[in-house]
C-alpha cells in the first residue's frame, strides 16, 4: 500500500493491539525497573546509613523476583497449560514484589541495625529476626492469600499476576527474609554496615578484646 502514491494503510485488530502493548511494555520495563531500583536503593541507603547493606538487600529482592518468575512460568507452561505470559505481567509483578520485598527488608534490617549498636552484628540480627520474623511471616501469608484470590477470576492475565505475586510474597517472607538475609548478614559480619562506624572493629583500652567479634570464628574468641 505504501508503494502506491497517496495511499495510506492502517493496521488494526487484536494483532496490532498486542504489538503496541509489547512495544510499550518493553519500553516501560527499560525505564521503570531501573528507576524503581534506584529510588529504593537510595531510600535504603538513607535509612541504614550504609552502602553494602542496601546493595545486598536489593540483590535479595531481585533474586527473589527472578526465582518467583521462573517458578511461575514453569507452573503456567507445564501445569496450567497457558500459551505464554501477557506482556504487562512481568512489570506489574516486579512492582508489587519489589515494593513488598523492600518493606519486609526495611522492617528486618532497620531493627537489626538498632540491635547491632548494642549487641553486635551477629546477635543483633538474631535478635531482630526473633522480634520481626513472626510479623513478617504473618503479613506474607495474608498478602499471599489476598493476591491468590485473583487466580479465581476467569482472566488469564489476572490469574498470572495473582499466582506470581502470591508465590513471590511467600518466597520472600518464608525464605528470603527469614533465611537468606540473616544468613548473608552472619556470613558478612560487621562489613554489612560499611562504611558506617558499625563496620569498624570496636577499640578497647589496654589491648582488651570485645566480647563479640563478628569477624572471627567462635573457637577463636
Protein backbone atom coordinates (compact mmCIF):
# COMPACT_ATOMS: atom_id res chain seq x y z
CA UNK A 1 0.00 0.00 0.00
CA UNK A 2 2.82 2.43 0.77
CA UNK A 3 4.19 1.86 -2.72
CA UNK A 4 1.01 3.41 -4.17
CA UNK A 5 1.21 7.17 -4.38
CA UNK A 6 -1.26 8.83 -1.99
CA UNK A 7 -2.36 5.56 -0.39
CA UNK A 8 -2.27 5.06 3.38
CA UNK A 9 -2.55 1.79 5.28
CA UNK A 10 -3.51 1.46 8.95
CA UNK A 11 -3.39 -1.94 10.63
CA UNK A 12 -5.94 -2.63 13.36
CA UNK A 13 -7.37 -5.52 15.29
CA UNK A 14 -6.04 -7.76 18.08
CA UNK A 15 -2.67 -8.38 16.43
CA UNK A 16 -1.92 -4.66 16.19
CA UNK A 17 -3.06 -4.14 19.77
CA UNK A 18 -0.80 -6.91 21.01
CA UNK A 19 2.14 -5.43 19.10
CA UNK A 20 1.54 -1.97 20.57
CA UNK A 21 1.28 -3.48 24.06
CA UNK A 22 4.52 -5.40 23.60
CA UNK A 23 6.42 -2.33 22.36
CA UNK A 24 5.05 -0.11 25.12
CA UNK A 25 5.71 -2.65 27.86
CA UNK A 26 9.27 -3.24 26.68
CA UNK A 27 9.94 0.50 26.74
CA UNK A 28 8.39 0.84 30.20
CA UNK A 29 10.48 -2.03 31.57
CA UNK A 30 13.71 -0.36 30.45
CA UNK A 31 12.66 2.86 32.18
CA UNK A 32 10.59 1.85 35.20
CA UNK A 33 12.63 -1.08 36.55
CA UNK A 34 15.98 0.80 36.83
CA UNK A 35 14.18 3.86 38.20
CA UNK A 36 12.38 1.84 40.88
CA UNK A 37 15.58 0.05 41.88
CA UNK A 38 17.49 3.35 42.09
CA UNK A 39 14.85 5.04 44.24
CA UNK A 40 14.53 2.06 46.58
CA UNK A 41 18.31 1.77 46.87
CA UNK A 42 18.54 5.46 47.75
CA UNK A 43 15.86 5.12 50.43
CA UNK A 44 17.58 2.06 51.92
CA UNK A 45 20.89 3.92 51.97
CA UNK A 46 19.37 6.84 53.88
CA UNK A 47 17.60 4.54 56.33
CA UNK A 48 20.51 2.21 57.08
CA UNK A 49 23.27 4.81 56.62
CA UNK A 50 25.36 2.31 54.73
CA UNK A 51 26.21 1.20 51.21
CA UNK A 52 26.86 -2.51 51.49
CA UNK A 53 23.61 -3.42 53.27
CA UNK A 54 21.29 -1.67 50.75
CA UNK A 55 23.09 -3.31 47.82
CA UNK A 56 22.82 -6.75 49.42
CA UNK A 57 19.16 -6.26 50.33
CA UNK A 58 18.33 -5.10 46.80
CA UNK A 59 20.14 -8.12 45.39
CA UNK A 60 17.99 -10.44 47.51
CA UNK A 61 14.85 -8.72 46.22
CA UNK A 62 15.94 -9.13 42.60
CA UNK A 63 16.93 -12.77 43.14
CA UNK A 64 13.62 -13.42 44.88
CA UNK A 65 11.69 -11.96 41.93
CA UNK A 66 13.72 -13.99 39.44
CA UNK A 67 13.05 -17.20 41.37
CA UNK A 68 9.33 -16.43 41.66
CA UNK A 69 9.08 -15.56 37.98
CA UNK A 70 10.90 -18.70 36.87
CA UNK A 71 8.81 -20.94 39.11
CA UNK A 72 5.59 -19.30 37.97
CA UNK A 73 6.48 -19.67 34.29
CA UNK A 74 7.08 -23.38 34.90
CA UNK A 75 3.64 -23.71 36.53
CA UNK A 76 1.91 -21.73 33.77
CA UNK A 77 3.54 -23.72 30.99
CA UNK A 78 3.65 -27.22 32.46
CA UNK A 79 0.68 -27.47 34.84
CA UNK A 80 -1.86 -24.86 33.73
CA UNK A 81 -1.09 -25.14 30.03
CA UNK A 82 -1.02 -21.41 29.28
CA UNK A 83 0.42 -20.49 25.88
CA UNK A 84 2.52 -17.64 27.21
CA UNK A 85 2.56 -14.70 29.60
CA UNK A 86 0.78 -11.42 28.95
CA UNK A 87 3.26 -8.63 28.33
CA UNK A 88 2.25 -6.41 31.30
CA UNK A 89 2.52 -9.28 33.82
CA UNK A 90 6.31 -9.18 34.48
CA UNK A 91 6.34 -5.43 35.10
CA UNK A 92 3.27 -5.49 37.33
CA UNK A 93 4.62 -8.41 39.33
CA UNK A 94 8.02 -6.73 39.63
CA UNK A 95 6.48 -3.56 41.05
CA UNK A 96 4.40 -5.48 43.58
CA UNK A 97 7.18 -7.82 44.67
CA UNK A 98 9.85 -5.14 44.92
CA UNK A 99 7.56 -2.90 46.99
CA UNK A 100 6.54 -5.73 49.30
CA UNK A 101 10.00 -7.27 49.48
CA UNK A 102 11.64 -3.97 50.35
CA UNK A 103 9.04 -3.38 53.06
CA UNK A 104 9.99 -6.66 54.70
CA UNK A 105 13.70 -5.91 54.28
CA UNK A 106 13.29 -2.47 55.83
CA UNK A 107 11.39 -3.94 58.75
CA UNK A 108 14.08 -6.55 59.40
CA UNK A 109 17.21 -4.54 58.57
CA UNK A 110 16.23 -1.40 60.48
CA UNK A 111 15.60 -3.46 63.62
CA UNK A 112 18.86 -5.34 63.05
CA UNK A 113 20.78 -2.08 62.85
CA UNK A 114 19.25 -0.85 66.09
CA UNK A 115 20.18 -4.07 67.85
CA UNK A 116 23.67 -4.11 66.31
CA UNK A 117 24.53 -0.90 68.15
CA UNK A 118 24.01 -2.74 71.46
CA UNK A 119 24.75 -6.37 70.70
CA UNK A 120 26.96 -6.56 67.61
CA UNK A 121 26.06 -7.69 64.12
CA UNK A 122 25.53 -11.40 64.79
CA UNK A 123 23.47 -11.10 67.95
CA UNK A 124 21.72 -8.01 66.60
CA UNK A 125 20.47 -9.85 63.53
CA UNK A 126 19.36 -12.85 65.58
CA UNK A 127 17.50 -10.55 67.96
CA UNK A 128 15.87 -8.70 65.05
CA UNK A 129 14.85 -11.97 63.42
CA UNK A 130 13.25 -13.25 66.60
CA UNK A 131 11.40 -9.96 67.07
CA UNK A 132 10.19 -9.41 63.50
CA UNK A 133 10.08 -12.92 62.00
CA UNK A 134 6.57 -13.68 63.19
CA UNK A 135 5.21 -10.35 61.94
CA UNK A 136 6.85 -10.73 58.53
CA UNK A 137 5.61 -14.29 58.13
CA UNK A 138 2.05 -13.36 59.15
CA UNK A 139 1.99 -10.37 56.81
CA UNK A 140 3.33 -12.53 53.98
CA UNK A 141 0.62 -15.14 54.47
CA UNK A 142 -2.12 -12.50 54.50
CA UNK A 143 -0.81 -10.74 51.38
CA UNK A 144 -0.28 -14.01 49.53
CA UNK A 145 -3.84 -15.08 50.29
CA UNK A 146 -5.12 -11.70 49.11
CA UNK A 147 -3.36 -11.89 45.76
CA UNK A 148 -4.23 -15.57 45.37
CA UNK A 149 -7.89 -14.56 45.15
CA UNK A 150 -7.09 -13.19 41.68
CA UNK A 151 -6.46 -16.73 40.46
CA UNK A 152 -10.20 -17.47 40.82
CA UNK A 153 -11.13 -14.90 38.14
CA UNK A 154 -11.76 -16.07 34.57
CA UNK A 155 -8.98 -13.94 33.04
CA UNK A 156 -5.59 -15.41 32.23
CA UNK A 157 -3.72 -12.17 32.93
CA UNK A 158 -5.21 -11.83 36.42
CA UNK A 159 -4.54 -15.49 37.15
CA UNK A 160 -0.89 -15.00 36.18
CA UNK A 161 -0.49 -11.81 38.23
CA UNK A 162 -2.24 -13.30 41.24
CA UNK A 163 -0.23 -16.53 41.26
CA UNK A 164 3.11 -14.85 40.53
CA UNK A 165 2.73 -12.21 43.25
CA UNK A 166 1.35 -14.67 45.81
CA UNK A 167 4.19 -17.12 45.14
CA UNK A 168 6.76 -14.33 45.25
CA UNK A 169 5.42 -12.96 48.53
CA UNK A 170 5.55 -16.39 50.16
CA UNK A 171 9.04 -16.98 48.83
CA UNK A 172 10.21 -13.63 50.14
CA UNK A 173 8.59 -13.85 53.54
CA UNK A 174 9.31 -17.50 54.34
CA UNK A 175 12.73 -17.95 52.71
CA UNK A 176 14.46 -14.72 51.74
CA UNK A 177 13.71 -12.57 54.79
CA UNK A 178 13.75 -15.45 57.27
CA UNK A 179 16.77 -17.38 55.97
CA UNK A 180 18.73 -15.71 53.17
CA UNK A 181 19.10 -12.18 54.58
CA UNK A 182 20.03 -13.34 58.12
CA UNK A 183 22.46 -15.92 56.69
CA UNK A 184 24.18 -13.32 54.50
CA UNK A 185 24.43 -10.95 57.44
CA UNK A 186 26.03 -13.61 59.64
CA UNK A 187 28.48 -14.53 56.89
CA UNK A 188 29.46 -10.97 56.03
CA UNK A 189 29.59 -9.78 59.63
CA UNK A 190 30.06 -6.14 60.54
CA UNK A 191 31.11 -5.32 56.96
CA UNK A 192 27.36 -5.47 56.22
CA UNK A 193 27.14 -1.91 57.57
CA UNK A 194 30.05 -0.49 55.55
CA UNK A 195 31.03 2.37 55.53
CA UNK A 196 29.24 3.39 58.75
CA UNK A 197 31.01 3.20 62.11
CA UNK A 198 29.27 -0.13 62.82
CA UNK A 199 31.52 -1.74 60.20
CA UNK A 200 34.70 -0.85 62.12
CA UNK A 201 36.13 -3.02 64.92
CA UNK A 202 35.45 -1.92 68.46
CA UNK A 203 38.54 -0.37 70.02
CA UNK A 204 39.05 -1.04 73.74
CA UNK A 205 41.80 0.30 76.00
CA UNK A 206 44.78 -1.77 77.22
CA UNK A 207 44.55 -4.18 74.30
CA UNK A 208 41.32 -5.78 75.53
CA UNK A 209 39.22 -7.73 73.04
CA UNK A 210 35.49 -7.10 72.57
CA UNK A 211 33.08 -9.68 73.88
CA UNK A 212 31.51 -10.01 70.43
CA UNK A 213 33.74 -10.05 67.37
CA UNK A 214 31.81 -10.72 64.19
CA UNK A 215 34.93 -11.33 62.15
CA UNK A 216 36.39 -14.34 63.98
CA UNK A 217 35.10 -17.89 64.39
CA UNK A 218 33.60 -18.87 67.72
CA UNK A 219 36.53 -21.17 68.58
CA UNK A 220 38.97 -18.26 68.42
CA UNK A 221 37.01 -15.88 70.62
